[in-house]
Amino acid sequence: MAEDHVKAAYAAVLNGDLEGAREQVRLSLAGGLAADRLLKDGLIAAMGEVGRLFEAGEFYVPEMLVAARAMKGCLEILRPLLVDSDVKPVGTVVIGTVSGDLHDIGKNLVAMMLEGAGFEVHDLGVDVSPQKFVEAVQATDPDIVAMSALLTTTMAEMEATVNAPRRAEVLDKARILVGGAPVNAAFAEKIGADGYAPDASQASAVARRLVAAKG
């Protein structure tokens, strides 16, 4: 039954079994299950459990990474079907590591967790200048602009990057979410960010709250 394949896809994502998860997605679809149901009950539910286990100290970054990669592999199969059936994402996110910072593991994990939570993610990569963030906001009209800094020396760049879209008056509906090893809630508030997430598992929850708060 298709429902059994959904449960198996959920388990495979949770265990980081990329090929097993993709196979269960294919079997679910072949059994007639709608892509949006598979997304919600299989992938998003599994990544929600991954986040819970991480916060409980039962999962660590390696477990989160392999689960997120399994989810991403499933999304490659589902995305065309979701587009065809006009399934809307929870929101749109532009994400990148600020100028001068080449760290990407944390940013990549946040991007994958956001995708797993149902967001459409535009990943700008690393060493992203304030102007590139501005151009991406203009091009995609996102709900969330997410940026990370992994070095204390690039925290000043984060402040400049937060201010750039506002100075350019392109933010419109977007809310700014920040994070990274040297960043904390007090710094986020000081530079005028709308939200702060201490880790990847909480980033998607904070992003959802920011989108919901916009009404």
N, C-alpha and C. Protein backbone atom coordinates (compact mmCIF):
# COMPACT_ATOMS: atom_id res chain seq x y z
N MET A 1 0.84 -1.21 0.00
CA MET A 1 0.00 0.00 0.00
C MET A 1 0.87 1.25 0.00
N ALA A 2 0.35 2.31 -0.62
CA ALA A 2 1.09 3.56 -0.70
C ALA A 2 1.42 4.11 0.68
N GLU A 3 0.47 3.96 1.62
CA GLU A 3 0.69 4.48 2.98
C GLU A 3 1.90 3.82 3.63
N ASP A 4 2.09 2.54 3.36
CA ASP A 4 3.24 1.84 3.91
C ASP A 4 4.54 2.41 3.36
N HIS A 5 4.52 2.78 2.09
CA HIS A 5 5.71 3.37 1.47
C HIS A 5 6.00 4.74 2.06
N VAL A 6 4.95 5.49 2.44
CA VAL A 6 5.16 6.79 3.08
C VAL A 6 5.87 6.59 4.42
N LYS A 7 5.41 5.62 5.19
CA LYS A 7 6.06 5.33 6.47
C LYS A 7 7.50 4.89 6.26
N ALA A 8 7.73 4.11 5.22
CA ALA A 8 9.08 3.64 4.93
C ALA A 8 9.96 4.80 4.46
N ALA A 9 9.37 5.73 3.69
CA ALA A 9 10.12 6.91 3.25
C ALA A 9 10.49 7.78 4.46
N TYR A 10 9.55 7.94 5.37
CA TYR A 10 9.79 8.68 6.61
C TYR A 10 10.97 8.06 7.37
N ALA A 11 10.95 6.74 7.53
CA ALA A 11 12.00 6.05 8.26
C ALA A 11 13.34 6.16 7.55
N ALA A 12 13.31 6.08 6.21
CA ALA A 12 14.56 6.15 5.45
C ALA A 12 15.19 7.53 5.56
N VAL A 13 14.38 8.58 5.49
CA VAL A 13 14.91 9.94 5.66
C VAL A 13 15.48 10.10 7.06
N LEU A 14 14.74 9.64 8.05
CA LEU A 14 15.18 9.74 9.44
C LEU A 14 16.54 9.05 9.63
N ASN A 15 16.74 7.94 8.93
CA ASN A 15 17.98 7.17 9.06
C ASN A 15 19.06 7.60 8.07
N GLY A 16 18.74 8.61 7.24
CA GLY A 16 19.73 9.09 6.29
C GLY A 16 20.00 8.16 5.14
N ASP A 17 19.03 7.30 4.80
CA ASP A 17 19.18 6.33 3.72
C ASP A 17 18.66 6.95 2.42
N LEU A 18 19.56 7.60 1.69
CA LEU A 18 19.18 8.34 0.49
C LEU A 18 18.49 7.45 -0.54
N GLU A 19 19.14 6.37 -0.94
CA GLU A 19 18.58 5.53 -2.00
C GLU A 19 17.29 4.85 -1.54
N GLY A 20 17.26 4.42 -0.27
CA GLY A 20 16.04 3.81 0.25
C GLY A 20 14.88 4.80 0.27
N ALA A 21 15.16 6.04 0.64
CA ALA A 21 14.11 7.07 0.68
C ALA A 21 13.59 7.36 -0.72
N ARG A 22 14.50 7.49 -1.67
CA ARG A 22 14.08 7.77 -3.05
C ARG A 22 13.24 6.63 -3.62
N GLU A 23 13.63 5.40 -3.31
CA GLU A 23 12.87 4.25 -3.79
C GLU A 23 11.46 4.23 -3.21
N GLN A 24 11.33 4.55 -1.93
CA GLN A 24 10.01 4.58 -1.30
C GLN A 24 9.15 5.71 -1.86
N VAL A 25 9.77 6.82 -2.19
CA VAL A 25 9.03 7.92 -2.83
C VAL A 25 8.49 7.46 -4.18
N ARG A 26 9.33 6.79 -4.96
CA ARG A 26 8.88 6.31 -6.27
C ARG A 26 7.73 5.30 -6.12
N LEU A 27 7.85 4.41 -5.16
CA LEU A 27 6.81 3.41 -4.94
C LEU A 27 5.51 4.05 -4.46
N SER A 28 5.63 5.08 -3.62
CA SER A 28 4.43 5.80 -3.14
C SER A 28 3.71 6.45 -4.30
N LEU A 29 4.47 7.10 -5.16
CA LEU A 29 3.87 7.78 -6.31
C LEU A 29 3.25 6.77 -7.27
N ALA A 30 3.94 5.65 -7.48
CA ALA A 30 3.41 4.60 -8.35
C ALA A 30 2.12 4.02 -7.79
N GLY A 31 2.00 4.05 -6.45
CA GLY A 31 0.77 3.56 -5.80
C GLY A 31 -0.36 4.56 -5.80
N GLY A 32 -0.11 5.73 -6.40
CA GLY A 32 -1.18 6.72 -6.55
C GLY A 32 -1.24 7.79 -5.47
N LEU A 33 -0.26 7.85 -4.58
CA LEU A 33 -0.29 8.86 -3.52
C LEU A 33 0.08 10.22 -4.10
N ALA A 34 -0.64 11.25 -3.67
CA ALA A 34 -0.39 12.61 -4.15
C ALA A 34 0.96 13.11 -3.65
N ALA A 35 1.66 13.88 -4.48
CA ALA A 35 2.98 14.38 -4.12
C ALA A 35 2.94 15.26 -2.88
N ASP A 36 1.90 16.09 -2.74
CA ASP A 36 1.83 16.98 -1.58
C ASP A 36 1.63 16.20 -0.29
N ARG A 37 0.88 15.09 -0.36
CA ARG A 37 0.69 14.26 0.84
C ARG A 37 2.00 13.58 1.23
N LEU A 38 2.73 13.14 0.24
CA LEU A 38 4.02 12.50 0.50
C LEU A 38 5.01 13.50 1.09
N LEU A 39 4.98 14.71 0.57
CA LEU A 39 5.84 15.77 1.10
C LEU A 39 5.53 16.02 2.57
N LYS A 40 4.25 16.19 2.88
CA LYS A 40 3.85 16.53 4.25
C LYS A 40 4.06 15.37 5.22
N ASP A 41 3.54 14.20 4.88
CA ASP A 41 3.55 13.08 5.83
C ASP A 41 4.85 12.30 5.83
N GLY A 42 5.62 12.41 4.73
CA GLY A 42 6.89 11.71 4.66
C GLY A 42 8.07 12.60 4.97
N LEU A 43 8.36 13.55 4.08
CA LEU A 43 9.58 14.34 4.19
C LEU A 43 9.54 15.37 5.32
N ILE A 44 8.50 16.21 5.31
CA ILE A 44 8.44 17.27 6.32
C ILE A 44 8.31 16.68 7.72
N ALA A 45 7.49 15.65 7.85
CA ALA A 45 7.33 15.00 9.15
C ALA A 45 8.66 14.40 9.63
N ALA A 46 9.40 13.77 8.72
CA ALA A 46 10.68 13.17 9.08
C ALA A 46 11.68 14.23 9.52
N MET A 47 11.75 15.34 8.79
CA MET A 47 12.71 16.38 9.15
C MET A 47 12.30 17.07 10.45
N GLY A 48 11.01 17.13 10.73
CA GLY A 48 10.57 17.66 12.02
C GLY A 48 11.06 16.78 13.15
N GLU A 49 11.01 15.47 12.95
CA GLU A 49 11.50 14.54 13.96
C GLU A 49 13.03 14.62 14.09
N VAL A 50 13.72 14.83 12.99
CA VAL A 50 15.17 15.02 13.02
C VAL A 50 15.51 16.23 13.90
N GLY A 51 14.78 17.33 13.71
CA GLY A 51 15.00 18.52 14.52
C GLY A 51 14.74 18.26 15.99
N ARG A 52 13.69 17.51 16.29
CA ARG A 52 13.36 17.20 17.69
C ARG A 52 14.46 16.36 18.32
N LEU A 53 14.94 15.37 17.59
CA LEU A 53 15.99 14.50 18.12
C LEU A 53 17.30 15.27 18.32
N PHE A 54 17.57 16.23 17.44
CA PHE A 54 18.77 17.04 17.60
C PHE A 54 18.68 17.88 18.87
N GLU A 55 17.54 18.51 19.06
CA GLU A 55 17.36 19.34 20.25
C GLU A 55 17.38 18.51 21.53
N ALA A 56 16.98 17.25 21.43
CA ALA A 56 16.99 16.36 22.60
C ALA A 56 18.36 15.76 22.86
N GLY A 57 19.32 16.05 21.99
CA GLY A 57 20.67 15.52 22.16
C GLY A 57 20.84 14.10 21.69
N GLU A 58 19.84 13.58 20.95
CA GLU A 58 19.92 12.20 20.45
C GLU A 58 20.51 12.14 19.04
N PHE A 59 20.42 13.25 18.31
CA PHE A 59 21.04 13.38 16.99
C PHE A 59 22.09 14.48 17.08
N TYR A 60 23.13 14.34 16.24
CA TYR A 60 24.16 15.36 16.15
C TYR A 60 24.25 15.83 14.70
N VAL A 61 25.16 16.76 14.41
CA VAL A 61 25.24 17.34 13.07
C VAL A 61 25.39 16.27 11.97
N PRO A 62 26.23 15.25 12.13
CA PRO A 62 26.34 14.24 11.05
C PRO A 62 25.01 13.56 10.74
N GLU A 63 24.24 13.21 11.78
CA GLU A 63 22.93 12.59 11.56
C GLU A 63 21.97 13.55 10.85
N MET A 64 22.03 14.82 11.25
CA MET A 64 21.18 15.81 10.59
C MET A 64 21.55 15.95 9.11
N LEU A 65 22.85 15.96 8.83
CA LEU A 65 23.30 16.13 7.46
C LEU A 65 22.85 14.99 6.55
N VAL A 66 23.01 13.74 7.01
CA VAL A 66 22.63 12.63 6.14
C VAL A 66 21.11 12.56 5.97
N ALA A 67 20.36 12.92 7.01
CA ALA A 67 18.90 12.95 6.89
C ALA A 67 18.48 14.04 5.91
N ALA A 68 19.11 15.21 6.02
CA ALA A 68 18.76 16.32 5.14
C ALA A 68 19.11 16.00 3.69
N ARG A 69 20.22 15.30 3.48
CA ARG A 69 20.58 14.92 2.10
C ARG A 69 19.60 13.91 1.53
N ALA A 70 19.13 12.99 2.37
CA ALA A 70 18.12 12.03 1.91
C ALA A 70 16.84 12.76 1.53
N MET A 71 16.44 13.72 2.38
CA MET A 71 15.26 14.52 2.07
C MET A 71 15.44 15.29 0.76
N LYS A 72 16.61 15.88 0.57
CA LYS A 72 16.87 16.66 -0.63
C LYS A 72 16.79 15.78 -1.88
N GLY A 73 17.30 14.55 -1.77
CA GLY A 73 17.21 13.63 -2.89
C GLY A 73 15.77 13.30 -3.25
N CYS A 74 14.93 13.17 -2.23
CA CYS A 74 13.50 12.91 -2.48
C CYS A 74 12.82 14.11 -3.12
N LEU A 75 13.22 15.31 -2.68
CA LEU A 75 12.62 16.52 -3.24
C LEU A 75 12.90 16.67 -4.73
N GLU A 76 14.05 16.16 -5.17
CA GLU A 76 14.38 16.23 -6.60
C GLU A 76 13.34 15.47 -7.42
N ILE A 77 12.81 14.39 -6.85
CA ILE A 77 11.77 13.61 -7.54
C ILE A 77 10.43 14.32 -7.44
N LEU A 78 10.14 14.87 -6.26
CA LEU A 78 8.82 15.44 -6.01
C LEU A 78 8.61 16.83 -6.60
N ARG A 79 9.68 17.61 -6.69
CA ARG A 79 9.51 19.03 -7.04
C ARG A 79 8.74 19.26 -8.33
N PRO A 80 9.05 18.56 -9.43
CA PRO A 80 8.27 18.80 -10.66
C PRO A 80 6.78 18.48 -10.48
N LEU A 81 6.48 17.46 -9.69
CA LEU A 81 5.09 17.09 -9.46
C LEU A 81 4.38 18.13 -8.60
N LEU A 82 5.10 18.67 -7.64
CA LEU A 82 4.52 19.71 -6.78
C LEU A 82 4.23 20.97 -7.59
N VAL A 83 5.13 21.30 -8.50
CA VAL A 83 4.93 22.47 -9.37
C VAL A 83 3.71 22.24 -10.27
N ASP A 84 3.64 21.05 -10.86
CA ASP A 84 2.53 20.73 -11.76
C ASP A 84 1.18 20.77 -11.04
N SER A 85 1.17 20.37 -9.78
CA SER A 85 -0.10 20.36 -9.02
C SER A 85 -0.33 21.67 -8.29
N ASP A 86 0.55 22.68 -8.58
CA ASP A 86 0.39 24.03 -8.03
C ASP A 86 0.42 24.05 -6.50
N VAL A 87 1.26 23.20 -5.91
CA VAL A 87 1.43 23.21 -4.46
C VAL A 87 2.36 24.36 -4.09
N LYS A 88 1.88 25.24 -3.23
CA LYS A 88 2.65 26.42 -2.85
C LYS A 88 3.61 26.11 -1.71
N PRO A 89 4.83 26.64 -1.76
CA PRO A 89 5.74 26.46 -0.63
C PRO A 89 5.26 27.25 0.58
N VAL A 90 5.77 26.89 1.75
CA VAL A 90 5.44 27.61 2.98
C VAL A 90 5.88 29.06 2.86
N GLY A 91 6.97 29.29 2.18
CA GLY A 91 7.52 30.62 1.97
C GLY A 91 8.78 30.51 1.14
N THR A 92 9.36 31.65 0.79
CA THR A 92 10.56 31.70 -0.02
C THR A 92 11.69 32.29 0.81
N VAL A 93 12.87 31.67 0.72
CA VAL A 93 14.03 32.09 1.51
C VAL A 93 15.22 32.35 0.59
N VAL A 94 15.90 33.46 0.83
CA VAL A 94 17.22 33.71 0.24
C VAL A 94 18.21 33.51 1.37
N ILE A 95 19.24 32.70 1.13
CA ILE A 95 20.20 32.39 2.20
C ILE A 95 21.62 32.48 1.68
N GLY A 96 22.54 32.89 2.54
CA GLY A 96 23.95 32.94 2.18
C GLY A 96 24.82 33.23 3.38
N THR A 97 26.11 32.94 3.24
CA THR A 97 27.10 33.31 4.24
C THR A 97 27.66 34.67 3.86
N VAL A 98 27.83 35.55 4.83
CA VAL A 98 28.16 36.95 4.53
C VAL A 98 29.56 37.10 3.95
N SER A 99 29.80 38.27 3.39
CA SER A 99 31.06 38.57 2.73
C SER A 99 32.26 38.35 3.65
N GLY A 100 33.30 37.71 3.11
CA GLY A 100 34.50 37.45 3.88
C GLY A 100 34.50 36.14 4.62
N ASP A 101 33.38 35.42 4.59
CA ASP A 101 33.24 34.16 5.33
C ASP A 101 33.01 33.03 4.33
N LEU A 102 33.89 32.02 4.36
CA LEU A 102 33.82 30.92 3.39
C LEU A 102 33.26 29.64 3.98
N HIS A 103 32.75 29.71 5.22
CA HIS A 103 32.19 28.52 5.86
C HIS A 103 30.80 28.22 5.27
N ASP A 104 30.55 26.96 4.97
CA ASP A 104 29.25 26.66 4.36
C ASP A 104 28.51 25.47 4.97
N ILE A 105 29.14 24.69 5.86
CA ILE A 105 28.45 23.51 6.37
C ILE A 105 27.19 23.90 7.13
N GLY A 106 27.32 24.85 8.05
CA GLY A 106 26.15 25.28 8.82
C GLY A 106 25.08 25.88 7.94
N LYS A 107 25.50 26.72 7.00
CA LYS A 107 24.54 27.35 6.08
C LYS A 107 23.85 26.31 5.22
N ASN A 108 24.61 25.34 4.72
CA ASN A 108 24.02 24.28 3.90
C ASN A 108 22.99 23.48 4.69
N LEU A 109 23.30 23.20 5.94
CA LEU A 109 22.38 22.43 6.77
C LEU A 109 21.10 23.20 7.04
N VAL A 110 21.24 24.50 7.32
CA VAL A 110 20.05 25.34 7.51
C VAL A 110 19.21 25.35 6.24
N ALA A 111 19.86 25.49 5.09
CA ALA A 111 19.13 25.51 3.81
C ALA A 111 18.36 24.22 3.61
N MET A 112 19.00 23.08 3.92
CA MET A 112 18.34 21.79 3.74
C MET A 112 17.20 21.60 4.74
N MET A 113 17.39 22.07 5.97
CA MET A 113 16.31 21.97 6.96
C MET A 113 15.13 22.85 6.56
N LEU A 114 15.40 24.02 6.00
CA LEU A 114 14.32 24.88 5.53
C LEU A 114 13.57 24.23 4.37
N GLU A 115 14.30 23.61 3.45
CA GLU A 115 13.65 22.88 2.36
C GLU A 115 12.80 21.75 2.92
N GLY A 116 13.35 21.07 3.93
CA GLY A 116 12.61 19.98 4.55
C GLY A 116 11.35 20.44 5.25
N ALA A 117 11.32 21.71 5.64
CA ALA A 117 10.13 22.28 6.29
C ALA A 117 9.14 22.86 5.29
N GLY A 118 9.44 22.74 4.00
CA GLY A 118 8.50 23.18 2.98
C GLY A 118 8.77 24.54 2.36
N PHE A 119 9.95 25.13 2.63
CA PHE A 119 10.30 26.42 2.04
C PHE A 119 10.97 26.23 0.68
N GLU A 120 10.79 27.21 -0.19
CA GLU A 120 11.56 27.29 -1.43
C GLU A 120 12.82 28.09 -1.10
N VAL A 121 14.00 27.50 -1.33
CA VAL A 121 15.25 28.10 -0.89
C VAL A 121 16.13 28.49 -2.07
N HIS A 122 16.61 29.74 -2.05
CA HIS A 122 17.57 30.23 -3.03
C HIS A 122 18.90 30.42 -2.30
N ASP A 123 19.84 29.51 -2.53
CA ASP A 123 21.12 29.52 -1.82
C ASP A 123 22.15 30.31 -2.62
N LEU A 124 22.62 31.41 -2.05
CA LEU A 124 23.58 32.29 -2.72
C LEU A 124 25.03 31.84 -2.52
N GLY A 125 25.24 30.86 -1.62
CA GLY A 125 26.58 30.35 -1.39
C GLY A 125 27.29 31.09 -0.27
N VAL A 126 28.62 31.19 -0.41
CA VAL A 126 29.45 31.81 0.64
C VAL A 126 30.04 33.12 0.12
N ASP A 127 30.60 33.91 1.07
CA ASP A 127 31.27 35.17 0.72
C ASP A 127 30.34 36.05 -0.11
N VAL A 128 29.10 36.20 0.35
CA VAL A 128 28.08 36.92 -0.40
C VAL A 128 28.08 38.39 0.02
N SER A 129 28.28 39.26 -0.93
CA SER A 129 28.34 40.69 -0.63
C SER A 129 26.95 41.23 -0.32
N PRO A 130 26.88 42.36 0.41
CA PRO A 130 25.58 42.99 0.66
C PRO A 130 24.81 43.26 -0.64
N GLN A 131 25.53 43.67 -1.69
CA GLN A 131 24.86 43.98 -2.96
C GLN A 131 24.24 42.73 -3.58
N LYS A 132 24.90 41.57 -3.44
CA LYS A 132 24.34 40.34 -3.98
C LYS A 132 23.06 39.94 -3.23
N PHE A 133 23.05 40.18 -1.92
CA PHE A 133 21.81 39.94 -1.17
C PHE A 133 20.70 40.86 -1.68
N VAL A 134 21.03 42.13 -1.90
CA VAL A 134 20.03 43.09 -2.39
C VAL A 134 19.48 42.63 -3.73
N GLU A 135 20.38 42.22 -4.65
CA GLU A 135 19.95 41.78 -5.98
C GLU A 135 19.07 40.53 -5.89
N ALA A 136 19.41 39.61 -4.98
CA ALA A 136 18.62 38.39 -4.82
C ALA A 136 17.24 38.71 -4.27
N VAL A 137 17.16 39.66 -3.35
CA VAL A 137 15.86 40.07 -2.81
C VAL A 137 15.00 40.68 -3.92
N GLN A 138 15.62 41.49 -4.74
CA GLN A 138 14.89 42.10 -5.86
C GLN A 138 14.39 41.05 -6.84
N ALA A 139 15.20 40.02 -7.05
CA ALA A 139 14.87 39.00 -8.06
C ALA A 139 13.83 38.00 -7.58
N THR A 140 13.80 37.69 -6.28
CA THR A 140 12.96 36.59 -5.80
C THR A 140 11.81 37.02 -4.89
N ASP A 141 11.84 38.26 -4.39
CA ASP A 141 10.79 38.75 -3.48
C ASP A 141 10.54 37.75 -2.35
N PRO A 142 11.57 37.45 -1.54
CA PRO A 142 11.44 36.39 -0.55
C PRO A 142 10.65 36.80 0.69
N ASP A 143 10.25 35.79 1.45
CA ASP A 143 9.64 36.03 2.76
C ASP A 143 10.71 36.17 3.83
N ILE A 144 11.82 35.44 3.65
CA ILE A 144 12.90 35.42 4.62
C ILE A 144 14.23 35.65 3.92
N VAL A 145 15.07 36.50 4.51
CA VAL A 145 16.47 36.63 4.09
C VAL A 145 17.30 36.08 5.25
N ALA A 146 17.97 34.95 5.01
CA ALA A 146 18.73 34.28 6.06
C ALA A 146 20.21 34.42 5.78
N MET A 147 20.96 34.81 6.79
CA MET A 147 22.41 34.97 6.61
C MET A 147 23.17 34.44 7.80
N SER A 148 24.36 33.90 7.52
CA SER A 148 25.17 33.33 8.60
C SER A 148 26.57 33.94 8.58
N ALA A 149 27.19 33.95 9.77
CA ALA A 149 28.59 34.33 9.94
C ALA A 149 29.20 33.34 10.90
N LEU A 150 30.30 32.75 10.52
CA LEU A 150 30.94 31.74 11.36
C LEU A 150 32.22 32.27 12.01
N LEU A 151 32.59 33.50 11.69
CA LEU A 151 33.80 34.10 12.25
C LEU A 151 33.44 35.40 12.97
N THR A 152 34.11 35.66 14.09
CA THR A 152 33.86 36.93 14.79
C THR A 152 34.25 38.11 13.91
N THR A 153 35.23 37.90 13.04
CA THR A 153 35.69 38.98 12.18
C THR A 153 34.69 39.36 11.09
N THR A 154 33.72 38.48 10.82
CA THR A 154 32.73 38.79 9.78
C THR A 154 31.38 39.22 10.38
N MET A 155 31.33 39.37 11.68
CA MET A 155 30.08 39.84 12.29
C MET A 155 29.74 41.26 11.85
N ALA A 156 30.77 42.09 11.64
CA ALA A 156 30.54 43.45 11.14
C ALA A 156 29.93 43.41 9.75
N GLU A 157 30.37 42.43 8.95
CA GLU A 157 29.79 42.27 7.61
C GLU A 157 28.31 41.90 7.70
N MET A 158 27.96 41.09 8.70
CA MET A 158 26.57 40.73 8.87
C MET A 158 25.73 41.97 9.15
N GLU A 159 26.23 42.85 10.00
CA GLU A 159 25.49 44.08 10.29
C GLU A 159 25.31 44.92 9.04
N ALA A 160 26.37 45.02 8.24
CA ALA A 160 26.29 45.78 6.98
C ALA A 160 25.31 45.13 6.02
N THR A 161 25.28 43.81 6.01
CA THR A 161 24.39 43.08 5.10
C THR A 161 22.93 43.20 5.53
N VAL A 162 22.69 43.20 6.83
CA VAL A 162 21.33 43.41 7.33
C VAL A 162 20.81 44.78 6.90
N ASN A 163 21.69 45.77 6.95
CA ASN A 163 21.27 47.15 6.65
C ASN A 163 21.12 47.41 5.16
N ALA A 164 21.86 46.67 4.33
CA ALA A 164 21.88 46.95 2.88
C ALA A 164 20.51 46.88 2.22
N PRO A 165 19.74 45.80 2.40
CA PRO A 165 18.42 45.76 1.74
C PRO A 165 17.47 46.86 2.25
N ARG A 166 17.62 47.21 3.52
CA ARG A 166 16.77 48.28 4.07
C ARG A 166 17.13 49.62 3.44
N ARG A 167 18.43 49.87 3.31
CA ARG A 167 18.86 51.13 2.69
C ARG A 167 18.40 51.19 1.24
N ALA A 168 18.42 50.03 0.58
CA ALA A 168 18.00 49.98 -0.82
C ALA A 168 16.48 49.96 -0.97
N GLU A 169 15.80 49.84 0.17
CA GLU A 169 14.33 49.83 0.20
C GLU A 169 13.75 48.73 -0.68
N VAL A 170 14.35 47.53 -0.59
CA VAL A 170 13.86 46.40 -1.40
C VAL A 170 13.25 45.30 -0.54
N LEU A 171 13.31 45.44 0.78
CA LEU A 171 12.86 44.33 1.63
C LEU A 171 11.37 44.05 1.49
N ASP A 172 10.56 45.09 1.46
CA ASP A 172 9.12 44.93 1.33
C ASP A 172 8.59 44.00 2.43
N LYS A 173 8.22 42.76 2.06
CA LYS A 173 7.62 41.83 3.03
C LYS A 173 8.64 40.97 3.76
N ALA A 174 9.91 40.97 3.33
CA ALA A 174 10.89 40.02 3.84
C ALA A 174 11.29 40.32 5.28
N ARG A 175 11.56 39.24 6.02
CA ARG A 175 12.08 39.33 7.37
C ARG A 175 13.50 38.75 7.38
N ILE A 176 14.38 39.31 8.22
CA ILE A 176 15.77 38.90 8.24
C ILE A 176 16.04 37.96 9.40
N LEU A 177 16.62 36.79 9.08
CA LEU A 177 16.95 35.76 10.06
C LEU A 177 18.46 35.56 10.05
N VAL A 178 19.10 35.60 11.23
CA VAL A 178 20.55 35.47 11.29
C VAL A 178 20.95 34.32 12.22
N GLY A 179 22.18 33.84 12.03
CA GLY A 179 22.71 32.78 12.87
C GLY A 179 24.17 32.55 12.59
N GLY A 180 24.77 31.62 13.32
CA GLY A 180 26.18 31.31 13.18
C GLY A 180 26.84 31.25 14.54
N ALA A 181 28.00 30.60 14.60
CA ALA A 181 28.66 30.34 15.89
C ALA A 181 28.87 31.56 16.77
N PRO A 182 29.34 32.70 16.24
CA PRO A 182 29.58 33.85 17.13
C PRO A 182 28.34 34.71 17.37
N VAL A 183 27.25 34.40 16.70
CA VAL A 183 26.04 35.23 16.76
C VAL A 183 25.16 34.79 17.92
N ASN A 184 24.55 35.74 18.59
CA ASN A 184 23.58 35.41 19.64
C ASN A 184 22.37 36.34 19.52
N ALA A 185 21.37 36.11 20.35
CA ALA A 185 20.13 36.86 20.25
C ALA A 185 20.35 38.35 20.49
N ALA A 186 21.24 38.69 21.42
CA ALA A 186 21.51 40.10 21.72
C ALA A 186 22.13 40.80 20.51
N PHE A 187 23.06 40.14 19.83
CA PHE A 187 23.68 40.72 18.64
C PHE A 187 22.66 40.87 17.53
N ALA A 188 21.82 39.85 17.36
CA ALA A 188 20.77 39.90 16.33
C ALA A 188 19.86 41.11 16.54
N GLU A 189 19.48 41.32 17.79
CA GLU A 189 18.61 42.46 18.10
C GLU A 189 19.34 43.78 17.85
N LYS A 190 20.62 43.83 18.23
CA LYS A 190 21.42 45.05 18.08
C LYS A 190 21.52 45.48 16.62
N ILE A 191 21.69 44.52 15.71
CA ILE A 191 21.86 44.88 14.30
C ILE A 191 20.54 45.00 13.55
N GLY A 192 19.43 44.75 14.24
CA GLY A 192 18.13 44.96 13.63
C GLY A 192 17.55 43.77 12.88
N ALA A 193 18.07 42.56 13.16
CA ALA A 193 17.49 41.37 12.54
C ALA A 193 16.12 41.08 13.15
N ASP A 194 15.27 40.42 12.37
CA ASP A 194 13.93 40.09 12.85
C ASP A 194 13.89 38.79 13.64
N GLY A 195 14.90 37.93 13.42
CA GLY A 195 14.92 36.64 14.11
C GLY A 195 16.33 36.11 14.22
N TYR A 196 16.52 35.22 15.19
CA TYR A 196 17.81 34.57 15.41
C TYR A 196 17.57 33.10 15.69
N ALA A 197 18.40 32.25 15.10
CA ALA A 197 18.32 30.80 15.36
C ALA A 197 19.69 30.30 15.78
N PRO A 198 19.78 29.62 16.91
CA PRO A 198 21.07 29.13 17.39
C PRO A 198 21.59 27.92 16.63
N ASP A 199 20.71 27.21 15.93
CA ASP A 199 21.16 26.04 15.17
C ASP A 199 20.16 25.75 14.06
N ALA A 200 20.54 24.79 13.21
CA ALA A 200 19.75 24.48 12.02
C ALA A 200 18.37 23.95 12.37
N SER A 201 18.29 23.17 13.44
CA SER A 201 17.00 22.57 13.78
C SER A 201 15.97 23.63 14.17
N GLN A 202 16.45 24.73 14.77
CA GLN A 202 15.52 25.79 15.18
C GLN A 202 15.28 26.83 14.09
N ALA A 203 16.16 26.85 13.08
CA ALA A 203 16.02 27.86 12.03
C ALA A 203 14.69 27.75 11.29
N SER A 204 14.27 26.52 10.98
CA SER A 204 13.02 26.36 10.25
C SER A 204 11.82 26.78 11.10
N ALA A 205 11.88 26.49 12.40
CA ALA A 205 10.79 26.89 13.30
C ALA A 205 10.71 28.40 13.41
N VAL A 206 11.87 29.06 13.53
CA VAL A 206 11.89 30.52 13.60
C VAL A 206 11.39 31.12 12.28
N ALA A 207 11.82 30.54 11.17
CA ALA A 207 11.38 31.03 9.85
C ALA A 207 9.86 30.90 9.71
N ARG A 208 9.31 29.79 10.15
CA ARG A 208 7.86 29.61 10.10
C ARG A 208 7.14 30.66 10.94
N ARG A 209 7.69 30.95 12.13
CA ARG A 209 7.07 31.96 12.98
C ARG A 209 7.12 33.34 12.33
N LEU A 210 8.24 33.66 11.69
CA LEU A 210 8.36 34.95 11.04
C LEU A 210 7.37 35.09 9.89
N VAL A 211 7.19 34.01 9.13
CA VAL A 211 6.22 34.03 8.02
C VAL A 211 4.79 34.17 8.57
N ALA A 212 4.49 33.41 9.63
CA ALA A 212 3.15 33.46 10.22
C ALA A 212 2.85 34.84 10.82
N ALA A 213 3.87 35.47 11.39
CA ALA A 213 3.68 36.78 12.04
C ALA A 213 3.38 37.87 11.02
N LYS A 214 3.78 37.63 9.77
CA LYS A 214 3.50 38.62 8.72
C LYS A 214 2.03 38.64 8.36
N GLY A 215 1.32 37.56 8.77
CA GLY A 215 -0.10 37.48 8.47
C GLY A 215 -0.39 37.04 7.07
